[in-house]
Amino acid sequence: MKLSEKIKQARMENNLTQQQLSDEINISRKTLSGWENDRSSPNVELLHDLAKCLNKDVLYFIEDQSEFNEGELATENSLILRRLVSIISLCLNVFFVLVILYVFFK
């Protein structure tokens, strides 16, 4: 789960509005909205305040965070696979050319 989703889910579990939570940790509601909509992320200090206010451990918010969301990861894996297939294809082509050259120039 992405950080933005975890923030929103934890806020809702605590029955807090964006305004109530943002007042509690001294940020604007717009800032909190940005976090929940994945437009920005809290710094370490604010993440600590957020975790404390939402009765969560800071690790809850940073565990399983990856550089890619699921769609981006699938796209990245697909790109790697295509590159690998291209490299294997190139190697096979070189091998066949070498075999042909060997047969003709024995």
PDB file of N, CA and C in Angstrom:
ATOM      1  N   MET A   1       0.853  -1.176   0.000  1.00  0.00           N
ATOM      2  CA  MET A   1       0.000   0.000   0.000  1.00  0.00           C
ATOM      3  C   MET A   1       0.898   1.238   0.000  1.00  0.00           C
ATOM      4  N   LYS A   2       0.503   2.218  -0.765  1.00  0.00           N
ATOM      5  CA  LYS A   2       1.280   3.445  -0.867  1.00  0.00           C
ATOM      6  C   LYS A   2       1.120   4.292   0.399  1.00  0.00           C
ATOM      7  N   LEU A   3       2.105   5.143   0.636  1.00  0.00           N
ATOM      8  CA  LEU A   3       2.084   6.029   1.800  1.00  0.00           C
ATOM      9  C   LEU A   3       0.816   6.863   1.822  1.00  0.00           C
ATOM     10  N   SER A   4       0.428   7.417   0.692  1.00  0.00           N
ATOM     11  CA  SER A   4      -0.769   8.261   0.635  1.00  0.00           C
ATOM     12  C   SER A   4      -2.013   7.491   1.085  1.00  0.00           C
ATOM     13  N   GLU A   5      -2.118   6.252   0.662  1.00  0.00           N
ATOM     14  CA  GLU A   5      -3.262   5.420   1.047  1.00  0.00           C
ATOM     15  C   GLU A   5      -3.237   5.101   2.538  1.00  0.00           C
ATOM     16  N   LYS A   6      -2.035   4.851   3.073  1.00  0.00           N
ATOM     17  CA  LYS A   6      -1.907   4.543   4.503  1.00  0.00           C
ATOM     18  C   LYS A   6      -2.309   5.740   5.359  1.00  0.00           C
ATOM     19  N   ILE A   7      -1.916   6.930   4.924  1.00  0.00           N
ATOM     20  CA  ILE A   7      -2.268   8.139   5.687  1.00  0.00           C
ATOM     21  C   ILE A   7      -3.785   8.306   5.717  1.00  0.00           C
ATOM     22  N   LYS A   8      -4.403   8.194   4.562  1.00  0.00           N
ATOM     23  CA  LYS A   8      -5.851   8.373   4.495  1.00  0.00           C
ATOM     24  C   LYS A   8      -6.582   7.299   5.299  1.00  0.00           C
ATOM     25  N   GLN A   9      -6.151   6.063   5.155  1.00  0.00           N
ATOM     26  CA  GLN A   9      -6.795   4.960   5.872  1.00  0.00           C
ATOM     27  C   GLN A   9      -6.672   5.140   7.387  1.00  0.00           C
ATOM     28  N   ALA A  10      -5.490   5.503   7.860  1.00  0.00           N
ATOM     29  CA  ALA A  10      -5.281   5.695   9.301  1.00  0.00           C
ATOM     30  C   ALA A  10      -6.120   6.865   9.811  1.00  0.00           C
ATOM     31  N   ARG A  11      -6.215   7.923   9.027  1.00  0.00           N
ATOM     32  CA  ARG A  11      -7.039   9.066   9.432  1.00  0.00           C
ATOM     33  C   ARG A  11      -8.499   8.658   9.561  1.00  0.00           C
ATOM     34  N   MET A  12      -8.971   7.909   8.595  1.00  0.00           N
ATOM     35  CA  MET A  12     -10.365   7.491   8.619  1.00  0.00           C
ATOM     36  C   MET A  12     -10.637   6.491   9.759  1.00  0.00           C
ATOM     37  N   GLU A  13      -9.665   5.621  10.045  1.00  0.00           N
ATOM     38  CA  GLU A  13      -9.810   4.683  11.169  1.00  0.00           C
ATOM     39  C   GLU A  13      -9.963   5.424  12.493  1.00  0.00           C
ATOM     40  N   ASN A  14      -9.361   6.601  12.570  1.00  0.00           N
ATOM     41  CA  ASN A  14      -9.434   7.415  13.780  1.00  0.00           C
ATOM     42  C   ASN A  14     -10.595   8.410  13.739  1.00  0.00           C
ATOM     43  N   ASN A  15     -11.451   8.282  12.726  1.00  0.00           N
ATOM     44  CA  ASN A  15     -12.629   9.142  12.579  1.00  0.00           C
ATOM     45  C   ASN A  15     -12.289  10.631  12.628  1.00  0.00           C
ATOM     46  N   LEU A  16     -11.243  10.987  11.900  1.00  0.00           N
ATOM     47  CA  LEU A  16     -10.820  12.385  11.835  1.00  0.00           C
ATOM     48  C   LEU A  16     -11.049  12.924  10.434  1.00  0.00           C
ATOM     49  N   THR A  17     -11.445  14.163  10.354  1.00  0.00           N
ATOM     50  CA  THR A  17     -11.504  14.836   9.056  1.00  0.00           C
ATOM     51  C   THR A  17     -10.099  15.318   8.715  1.00  0.00           C
ATOM     52  N   GLN A  18      -9.909  15.710   7.478  1.00  0.00           N
ATOM     53  CA  GLN A  18      -8.615  16.276   7.102  1.00  0.00           C
ATOM     54  C   GLN A  18      -8.325  17.520   7.932  1.00  0.00           C
ATOM     55  N   GLN A  19      -9.341  18.340   8.162  1.00  0.00           N
ATOM     56  CA  GLN A  19      -9.154  19.569   8.928  1.00  0.00           C
ATOM     57  C   GLN A  19      -8.742  19.258  10.370  1.00  0.00           C
ATOM     58  N   GLN A  20      -9.403  18.289  10.989  1.00  0.00           N
ATOM     59  CA  GLN A  20      -9.077  17.939  12.374  1.00  0.00           C
ATOM     60  C   GLN A  20      -7.644  17.432  12.498  1.00  0.00           C
ATOM     61  N   LEU A  21      -7.258  16.558  11.594  1.00  0.00           N
ATOM     62  CA  LEU A  21      -5.899  16.010  11.647  1.00  0.00           C
ATOM     63  C   LEU A  21      -4.860  17.079  11.349  1.00  0.00           C
ATOM     64  N   SER A  22      -5.123  17.887  10.350  1.00  0.00           N
ATOM     65  CA  SER A  22      -4.144  18.925  10.007  1.00  0.00           C
ATOM     66  C   SER A  22      -3.989  19.937  11.145  1.00  0.00           C
ATOM     67  N   ASP A  23      -5.092  20.270  11.840  1.00  0.00           N
ATOM     68  CA  ASP A  23      -4.997  21.156  13.008  1.00  0.00           C
ATOM     69  C   ASP A  23      -4.161  20.510  14.108  1.00  0.00           C
ATOM     70  N   GLU A  24      -4.336  19.223  14.284  1.00  0.00           N
ATOM     71  CA  GLU A  24      -3.635  18.483  15.340  1.00  0.00           C
ATOM     72  C   GLU A  24      -2.120  18.485  15.139  1.00  0.00           C
ATOM     73  N   ILE A  25      -1.670  18.411  13.890  1.00  0.00           N
ATOM     74  CA  ILE A  25      -0.219  18.369  13.643  1.00  0.00           C
ATOM     75  C   ILE A  25       0.318  19.683  13.062  1.00  0.00           C
ATOM     76  N   ASN A  26      -0.517  20.720  13.117  1.00  0.00           N
ATOM     77  CA  ASN A  26      -0.102  22.074  12.730  1.00  0.00           C
ATOM     78  C   ASN A  26       0.367  22.201  11.275  1.00  0.00           C
ATOM     79  N   ILE A  27      -0.445  21.668  10.380  1.00  0.00           N
ATOM     80  CA  ILE A  27      -0.202  21.855   8.950  1.00  0.00           C
ATOM     81  C   ILE A  27      -1.514  22.332   8.331  1.00  0.00           C
ATOM     82  N   SER A  28      -1.465  22.740   7.080  1.00  0.00           N
ATOM     83  CA  SER A  28      -2.707  23.151   6.412  1.00  0.00           C
ATOM     84  C   SER A  28      -3.460  21.919   5.919  1.00  0.00           C
ATOM     85  N   ARG A  29      -4.751  22.074   5.761  1.00  0.00           N
ATOM     86  CA  ARG A  29      -5.563  20.977   5.230  1.00  0.00           C
ATOM     87  C   ARG A  29      -5.120  20.645   3.814  1.00  0.00           C
ATOM     88  N   LYS A  30      -4.702  21.663   3.070  1.00  0.00           N
ATOM     89  CA  LYS A  30      -4.227  21.468   1.705  1.00  0.00           C
ATOM     90  C   LYS A  30      -2.971  20.583   1.668  1.00  0.00           C
ATOM     91  N   THR A  31      -2.090  20.772   2.644  1.00  0.00           N
ATOM     92  CA  THR A  31      -0.891  19.942   2.727  1.00  0.00           C
ATOM     93  C   THR A  31      -1.261  18.492   2.967  1.00  0.00           C
ATOM     94  N   LEU A  32      -2.167  18.263   3.916  1.00  0.00           N
ATOM     95  CA  LEU A  32      -2.611  16.901   4.208  1.00  0.00           C
ATOM     96  C   LEU A  32      -3.288  16.287   2.987  1.00  0.00           C
ATOM     97  N   SER A  33      -4.095  17.066   2.302  1.00  0.00           N
ATOM     98  CA  SER A  33      -4.749  16.589   1.081  1.00  0.00           C
ATOM     99  C   SER A  33      -3.701  16.169   0.044  1.00  0.00           C
ATOM    100  N   GLY A  34      -2.643  16.933  -0.056  1.00  0.00           N
ATOM    101  CA  GLY A  34      -1.557  16.593  -0.973  1.00  0.00           C
ATOM    102  C   GLY A  34      -0.908  15.269  -0.628  1.00  0.00           C
ATOM    103  N   TRP A  35      -0.735  15.010   0.663  1.00  0.00           N
ATOM    104  CA  TRP A  35      -0.169  13.732   1.096  1.00  0.00           C
ATOM    105  C   TRP A  35      -1.105  12.585   0.730  1.00  0.00           C
ATOM    106  N   GLU A  36      -2.397  12.779   0.994  1.00  0.00           N
ATOM    107  CA  GLU A  36      -3.369  11.712   0.752  1.00  0.00           C
ATOM    108  C   GLU A  36      -3.617  11.465  -0.730  1.00  0.00           C
ATOM    109  N   ASN A  37      -3.325  12.447  -1.554  1.00  0.00           N
ATOM    110  CA  ASN A  37      -3.526  12.302  -2.994  1.00  0.00           C
ATOM    111  C   ASN A  37      -2.214  12.087  -3.743  1.00  0.00           C
ATOM    112  N   ASP A  38      -1.157  11.786  -2.983  1.00  0.00           N
ATOM    113  CA  ASP A  38       0.149  11.432  -3.540  1.00  0.00           C
ATOM    114  C   ASP A  38       0.776  12.540  -4.379  1.00  0.00           C
ATOM    115  N   ARG A  39       0.478  13.797  -4.009  1.00  0.00           N
ATOM    116  CA  ARG A  39       1.110  14.926  -4.694  1.00  0.00           C
ATOM    117  C   ARG A  39       2.374  15.374  -3.966  1.00  0.00           C
ATOM    118  N   SER A  40       2.464  15.008  -2.681  1.00  0.00           N
ATOM    119  CA  SER A  40       3.638  15.331  -1.879  1.00  0.00           C
ATOM    120  C   SER A  40       3.697  14.335  -0.724  1.00  0.00           C
ATOM    121  N   SER A  41       4.756  14.425   0.066  1.00  0.00           N
ATOM    122  CA  SER A  41       4.939  13.510   1.201  1.00  0.00           C
ATOM    123  C   SER A  41       5.424  14.286   2.415  1.00  0.00           C
ATOM    124  N   PRO A  42       5.090  13.799   3.599  1.00  0.00           N
ATOM    125  CA  PRO A  42       5.562  14.485   4.810  1.00  0.00           C
ATOM    126  C   PRO A  42       7.054  14.256   5.031  1.00  0.00           C
ATOM    127  N   ASN A  43       7.694  15.243   5.670  1.00  0.00           N
ATOM    128  CA  ASN A  43       9.088  15.033   6.039  1.00  0.00           C
ATOM    129  C   ASN A  43       9.127  14.129   7.275  1.00  0.00           C
ATOM    130  N   VAL A  44      10.306  13.759   7.723  1.00  0.00           N
ATOM    131  CA  VAL A  44      10.457  12.797   8.821  1.00  0.00           C
ATOM    132  C   VAL A  44       9.806  13.305  10.104  1.00  0.00           C
ATOM    133  N   GLU A  45       9.995  14.558  10.413  1.00  0.00           N
ATOM    134  CA  GLU A  45       9.424  15.124  11.636  1.00  0.00           C
ATOM    135  C   GLU A  45       7.900  15.087  11.596  1.00  0.00           C
ATOM    136  N   LEU A  46       7.325  15.490  10.479  1.00  0.00           N
ATOM    137  CA  LEU A  46       5.869  15.477  10.356  1.00  0.00           C
ATOM    138  C   LEU A  46       5.317  14.051  10.301  1.00  0.00           C
ATOM    139  N   LEU A  47       6.082  13.142   9.726  1.00  0.00           N
ATOM    140  CA  LEU A  47       5.658  11.749   9.705  1.00  0.00           C
ATOM    141  C   LEU A  47       5.585  11.193  11.124  1.00  0.00           C
ATOM    142  N   HIS A  48       6.539  11.588  11.954  1.00  0.00           N
ATOM    143  CA  HIS A  48       6.530  11.187  13.363  1.00  0.00           C
ATOM    144  C   HIS A  48       5.293  11.749  14.066  1.00  0.00           C
ATOM    145  N   ASP A  49       4.996  13.034  13.854  1.00  0.00           N
ATOM    146  CA  ASP A  49       3.812  13.655  14.449  1.00  0.00           C
ATOM    147  C   ASP A  49       2.529  12.990  13.967  1.00  0.00           C
ATOM    148  N   LEU A  50       2.499  12.682  12.689  1.00  0.00           N
ATOM    149  CA  LEU A  50       1.341  12.029  12.089  1.00  0.00           C
ATOM    150  C   LEU A  50       1.116  10.650  12.715  1.00  0.00           C
ATOM    151  N   ALA A  51       2.179   9.877  12.829  1.00  0.00           N
ATOM    152  CA  ALA A  51       2.082   8.537  13.417  1.00  0.00           C
ATOM    153  C   ALA A  51       1.583   8.609  14.862  1.00  0.00           C
ATOM    154  N   LYS A  52       2.117   9.546  15.612  1.00  0.00           N
ATOM    155  CA  LYS A  52       1.709   9.703  17.012  1.00  0.00           C
ATOM    156  C   LYS A  52       0.228  10.069  17.103  1.00  0.00           C
ATOM    157  N   CYS A  53      -0.209  10.996  16.290  1.00  0.00           N
ATOM    158  CA  CYS A  53      -1.590  11.453  16.311  1.00  0.00           C
ATOM    159  C   CYS A  53      -2.558  10.352  15.875  1.00  0.00           C
ATOM    160  N   LEU A  54      -2.119   9.493  14.955  1.00  0.00           N
ATOM    161  CA  LEU A  54      -2.989   8.450  14.414  1.00  0.00           C
ATOM    162  C   LEU A  54      -2.798   7.099  15.113  1.00  0.00           C
ATOM    163  N   ASN A  55      -2.050   7.119  16.229  1.00  0.00           N
ATOM    164  CA  ASN A  55      -1.825   5.898  17.021  1.00  0.00           C
ATOM    165  C   ASN A  55      -1.195   4.774  16.206  1.00  0.00           C
ATOM    166  N   LYS A  56      -0.223   5.139  15.400  1.00  0.00           N
ATOM    167  CA  LYS A  56       0.506   4.172  14.577  1.00  0.00           C
ATOM    168  C   LYS A  56       1.992   4.322  14.842  1.00  0.00           C
ATOM    169  N   ASP A  57       2.726   3.264  14.587  1.00  0.00           N
ATOM    170  CA  ASP A  57       4.173   3.320  14.636  1.00  0.00           C
ATOM    171  C   ASP A  57       4.645   3.952  13.327  1.00  0.00           C
ATOM    172  N   VAL A  58       5.718   4.701  13.370  1.00  0.00           N
ATOM    173  CA  VAL A  58       6.245   5.333  12.158  1.00  0.00           C
ATOM    174  C   VAL A  58       6.530   4.272  11.089  1.00  0.00           C
ATOM    175  N   LEU A  59       6.962   3.092  11.520  1.00  0.00           N
ATOM    176  CA  LEU A  59       7.264   2.024  10.570  1.00  0.00           C
ATOM    177  C   LEU A  59       6.045   1.622   9.746  1.00  0.00           C
ATOM    178  N   TYR A  60       4.864   1.770  10.315  1.00  0.00           N
ATOM    179  CA  TYR A  60       3.641   1.460   9.572  1.00  0.00           C
ATOM    180  C   TYR A  60       3.595   2.260   8.263  1.00  0.00           C
ATOM    181  N   PHE A  61       4.027   3.511   8.344  1.00  0.00           N
ATOM    182  CA  PHE A  61       3.953   4.381   7.168  1.00  0.00           C
ATOM    183  C   PHE A  61       5.095   4.163   6.184  1.00  0.00           C
ATOM    184  N   ILE A  62       6.228   3.637   6.652  1.00  0.00           N
ATOM    185  CA  ILE A  62       7.366   3.504   5.735  1.00  0.00           C
ATOM    186  C   ILE A  62       7.632   2.069   5.302  1.00  0.00           C
ATOM    187  N   GLU A  63       7.017   1.084   5.941  1.00  0.00           N
ATOM    188  CA  GLU A  63       7.196  -0.301   5.516  1.00  0.00           C
ATOM    189  C   GLU A  63       6.566  -0.523   4.160  1.00  0.00           C
ATOM    190  N   ASP A  64       7.194  -1.434   3.411  1.00  0.00           N
ATOM    191  CA  ASP A  64       6.685  -1.830   2.108  1.00  0.00           C
ATOM    192  C   ASP A  64       6.539  -0.672   1.135  1.00  0.00           C
ATOM    193  N   GLN A  65       7.268   0.389   1.356  1.00  0.00           N
ATOM    194  CA  GLN A  65       7.250   1.486   0.405  1.00  0.00           C
ATOM    195  C   GLN A  65       8.283   1.174  -0.668  1.00  0.00           C
ATOM    196  N   SER A  66       7.870   1.241  -1.904  1.00  0.00           N
ATOM    197  CA  SER A  66       8.809   1.019  -2.979  1.00  0.00           C
ATOM    198  C   SER A  66       8.866   2.262  -3.849  1.00  0.00           C
ATOM    199  N   GLU A  67       9.858   2.260  -4.688  1.00  0.00           N
ATOM    200  CA  GLU A  67      10.030   3.402  -5.579  1.00  0.00           C
ATOM    201  C   GLU A  67       8.917   3.467  -6.615  1.00  0.00           C
ATOM    202  N   PHE A  68       8.308   2.312  -6.896  1.00  0.00           N
ATOM    203  CA  PHE A  68       7.289   2.236  -7.926  1.00  0.00           C
ATOM    204  C   PHE A  68       5.968   1.801  -7.327  1.00  0.00           C
ATOM    205  N   ASN A  69       4.882   2.308  -7.855  1.00  0.00           N
ATOM    206  CA  ASN A  69       3.603   1.718  -7.492  1.00  0.00           C
ATOM    207  C   ASN A  69       3.436   0.468  -8.346  1.00  0.00           C
ATOM    208  N   GLU A  70       2.373  -0.294  -8.132  1.00  0.00           N
ATOM    209  CA  GLU A  70       2.233  -1.580  -8.808  1.00  0.00           C
ATOM    210  C   GLU A  70       2.237  -1.458 -10.326  1.00  0.00           C
ATOM    211  N   GLY A  71       1.550  -0.473 -10.861  1.00  0.00           N
ATOM    212  CA  GLY A  71       1.525  -0.296 -12.312  1.00  0.00           C
ATOM    213  C   GLY A  71       2.886   0.052 -12.875  1.00  0.00           C
ATOM    214  N   GLU A  72       3.601   0.939 -12.180  1.00  0.00           N
ATOM    215  CA  GLU A  72       4.931   1.323 -12.639  1.00  0.00           C
ATOM    216  C   GLU A  72       5.894   0.150 -12.541  1.00  0.00           C
ATOM    217  N   LEU A  73       5.750  -0.669 -11.489  1.00  0.00           N
ATOM    218  CA  LEU A  73       6.614  -1.827 -11.319  1.00  0.00           C
ATOM    219  C   LEU A  73       6.379  -2.831 -12.433  1.00  0.00           C
ATOM    220  N   ALA A  74       5.118  -3.061 -12.803  1.00  0.00           N
ATOM    221  CA  ALA A  74       4.801  -3.979 -13.897  1.00  0.00           C
ATOM    222  C   ALA A  74       5.405  -3.468 -15.200  1.00  0.00           C
ATOM    223  N   THR A  75       5.322  -2.163 -15.430  1.00  0.00           N
ATOM    224  CA  THR A  75       5.895  -1.574 -16.638  1.00  0.00           C
ATOM    225  C   THR A  75       7.413  -1.730 -16.634  1.00  0.00           C
ATOM    226  N   GLU A  76       8.035  -1.499 -15.494  1.00  0.00           N
ATOM    227  CA  GLU A  76       9.491  -1.642 -15.375  1.00  0.00           C
ATOM    228  C   GLU A  76       9.910  -3.084 -15.612  1.00  0.00           C
ATOM    229  N   ASN A  77       9.174  -4.044 -15.038  1.00  0.00           N
ATOM    230  CA  ASN A  77       9.487  -5.458 -15.244  1.00  0.00           C
ATOM    231  C   ASN A  77       9.326  -5.844 -16.709  1.00  0.00           C
ATOM    232  N   SER A  78       8.307  -5.321 -17.357  1.00  0.00           N
ATOM    233  CA  SER A  78       8.071  -5.598 -18.767  1.00  0.00           C
ATOM    234  C   SER A  78       9.230  -5.058 -19.609  1.00  0.00           C
ATOM    235  N   LEU A  79       9.700  -3.870 -19.286  1.00  0.00           N
ATOM    236  CA  LEU A  79      10.818  -3.271 -20.006  1.00  0.00           C
ATOM    237  C   LEU A  79      12.088  -4.113 -19.832  1.00  0.00           C
ATOM    238  N   ILE A  80      12.346  -4.578 -18.634  1.00  0.00           N
ATOM    239  CA  ILE A  80      13.520  -5.417 -18.370  1.00  0.00           C
ATOM    240  C   ILE A  80      13.423  -6.720 -19.154  1.00  0.00           C
ATOM    241  N   LEU A  81      12.235  -7.321 -19.168  1.00  0.00           N
ATOM    242  CA  LEU A  81      12.035  -8.566 -19.897  1.00  0.00           C
ATOM    243  C   LEU A  81      12.269  -8.367 -21.395  1.00  0.00           C
ATOM    244  N   ARG A  82      11.756  -7.271 -21.948  1.00  0.00           N
ATOM    245  CA  ARG A  82      11.968  -6.994 -23.371  1.00  0.00           C
ATOM    246  C   ARG A  82      13.454  -6.806 -23.680  1.00  0.00           C
ATOM    247  N   ARG A  83      14.177  -6.132 -22.807  1.00  0.00           N
ATOM    248  CA  ARG A  83      15.615  -5.942 -23.019  1.00  0.00           C
ATOM    249  C   ARG A  83      16.350  -7.279 -22.976  1.00  0.00           C
ATOM    250  N   LEU A  84      15.954  -8.135 -22.045  1.00  0.00           N
ATOM    251  CA  LEU A  84      16.574  -9.444 -21.920  1.00  0.00           C
ATOM    252  C   LEU A  84      16.325 -10.282 -23.171  1.00  0.00           C
ATOM    253  N   VAL A  85      15.101 -10.273 -23.670  1.00  0.00           N
ATOM    254  CA  VAL A  85      14.776 -11.006 -24.891  1.00  0.00           C
ATOM    255  C   VAL A  85      15.591 -10.464 -26.064  1.00  0.00           C
ATOM    256  N   SER A  86      15.767  -9.161 -26.137  1.00  0.00           N
ATOM    257  CA  SER A  86      16.565  -8.562 -27.217  1.00  0.00           C
ATOM    258  C   SER A  86      18.017  -8.998 -27.135  1.00  0.00           C
ATOM    259  N   ILE A  87      18.556  -9.052 -25.948  1.00  0.00           N
ATOM    260  CA  ILE A  87      19.950  -9.467 -25.767  1.00  0.00           C
ATOM    261  C   ILE A  87      20.125 -10.933 -26.160  1.00  0.00           C
ATOM    262  N   ILE A  88      19.195 -11.778 -25.736  1.00  0.00           N
ATOM    263  CA  ILE A  88      19.265 -13.204 -26.084  1.00  0.00           C
ATOM    264  C   ILE A  88      19.149 -13.382 -27.592  1.00  0.00           C
ATOM    265  N   SER A  89      18.240 -12.644 -28.205  1.00  0.00           N
ATOM    266  CA  SER A  89      18.072 -12.718 -29.653  1.00  0.00           C
ATOM    267  C   SER A  89      19.350 -12.299 -30.381  1.00  0.00           C
ATOM    268  N   LEU A  90      19.970 -11.240 -29.920  1.00  0.00           N
ATOM    269  CA  LEU A  90      21.219 -10.776 -30.520  1.00  0.00           C
ATOM    270  C   LEU A  90      22.308 -11.836 -30.386  1.00  0.00           C
ATOM    271  N   CYS A  91      22.410 -12.443 -29.211  1.00  0.00           N
ATOM    272  CA  CYS A  91      23.413 -13.492 -28.984  1.00  0.00           C
ATOM    273  C   CYS A  91      23.187 -14.683 -29.912  1.00  0.00           C
ATOM    274  N   LEU A  92      21.935 -15.090 -30.082  1.00  0.00           N
ATOM    275  CA  LEU A  92      21.627 -16.201 -30.984  1.00  0.00           C
ATOM    276  C   LEU A  92      21.976 -15.846 -32.429  1.00  0.00           C
ATOM    277  N   ASN A  93      21.690 -14.628 -32.842  1.00  0.00           N
ATOM    278  CA  ASN A  93      22.036 -14.193 -34.198  1.00  0.00           C
ATOM    279  C   ASN A  93      23.538 -14.234 -34.418  1.00  0.00           C
ATOM    280  N   VAL A  94      24.300 -13.764 -33.461  1.00  0.00           N
ATOM    281  CA  VAL A  94      25.765 -13.790 -33.567  1.00  0.00           C
ATOM    282  C   VAL A  94      26.253 -15.236 -33.638  1.00  0.00           C
ATOM    283  N   PHE A  95      25.670 -16.097 -32.819  1.00  0.00           N
ATOM    284  CA  PHE A  95      26.048 -17.507 -32.813  1.00  0.00           C
ATOM    285  C   PHE A  95      25.808 -18.131 -34.188  1.00  0.00           C
ATOM    286  N   PHE A  96      24.626 -17.897 -34.768  1.00  0.00           N
ATOM    287  CA  PHE A  96      24.324 -18.477 -36.084  1.00  0.00           C
ATOM    288  C   PHE A  96      25.233 -17.923 -37.167  1.00  0.00           C
ATOM    289  N   VAL A  97      25.561 -16.660 -37.104  1.00  0.00           N
ATOM    290  CA  VAL A  97      26.493 -16.083 -38.078  1.00  0.00           C
ATOM    291  C   VAL A  97      27.855 -16.743 -37.936  1.00  0.00           C
ATOM    292  N   LEU A  98      28.309 -16.959 -36.723  1.00  0.00           N
ATOM    293  CA  LEU A  98      29.601 -17.620 -36.504  1.00  0.00           C
ATOM    294  C   LEU A  98      29.583 -19.061 -37.010  1.00  0.00           C
ATOM    295  N   VAL A  99      28.475 -19.762 -36.812  1.00  0.00           N
ATOM    296  CA  VAL A  99      28.362 -21.136 -37.310  1.00  0.00           C
ATOM    297  C   VAL A  99      28.416 -21.142 -38.834  1.00  0.00           C
ATOM    298  N   ILE A 100      27.708 -20.233 -39.471  1.00  0.00           N
ATOM    299  CA  ILE A 100      27.712 -20.153 -40.938  1.00  0.00           C
ATOM    300  C   ILE A 100      29.112 -19.833 -41.450  1.00  0.00           C
ATOM    301  N   LEU A 101      29.776 -18.888 -40.815  1.00  0.00           N
ATOM    302  CA  LEU A 101      31.150 -18.532 -41.221  1.00  0.00           C
ATOM    303  C   LEU A 101      32.090 -19.728 -41.042  1.00  0.00           C
ATOM    304  N   TYR A 102      31.920 -20.454 -39.983  1.00  0.00           N
ATOM    305  CA  TYR A 102      32.767 -21.633 -39.739  1.00  0.00           C
ATOM    306  C   TYR A 102      32.556 -22.684 -40.818  1.00  0.00           C
ATOM    307  N   VAL A 103      31.293 -22.927 -41.183  1.00  0.00           N
ATOM    308  CA  VAL A 103      30.986 -23.934 -42.204  1.00  0.00           C
ATOM    309  C   VAL A 103      31.593 -23.544 -43.554  1.00  0.00           C
ATOM    310  N   PHE A 104      31.508 -22.277 -43.920  1.00  0.00           N
ATOM    311  CA  PHE A 104      32.008 -21.840 -45.215  1.00  0.00           C
ATOM    312  C   PHE A 104      33.530 -21.690 -45.260  1.00  0.00           C
ATOM    313  N   PHE A 105      34.155 -21.410 -44.143  1.00  0.00           N
ATOM    314  CA  PHE A 105      35.606 -21.130 -44.149  1.00  0.00           C
ATOM    315  C   PHE A 105      36.412 -22.178 -43.395  1.00  0.00           C
ATOM    316  N   LYS A 106      35.940 -23.393 -43.346  1.00  0.00           N
ATOM    317  CA  LYS A 106      36.637 -24.483 -42.675  1.00  0.00           C
ATOM    318  C   LYS A 106      37.940 -24.817 -43.323  1.00  0.00           C
TER     319      LYS A 106
END
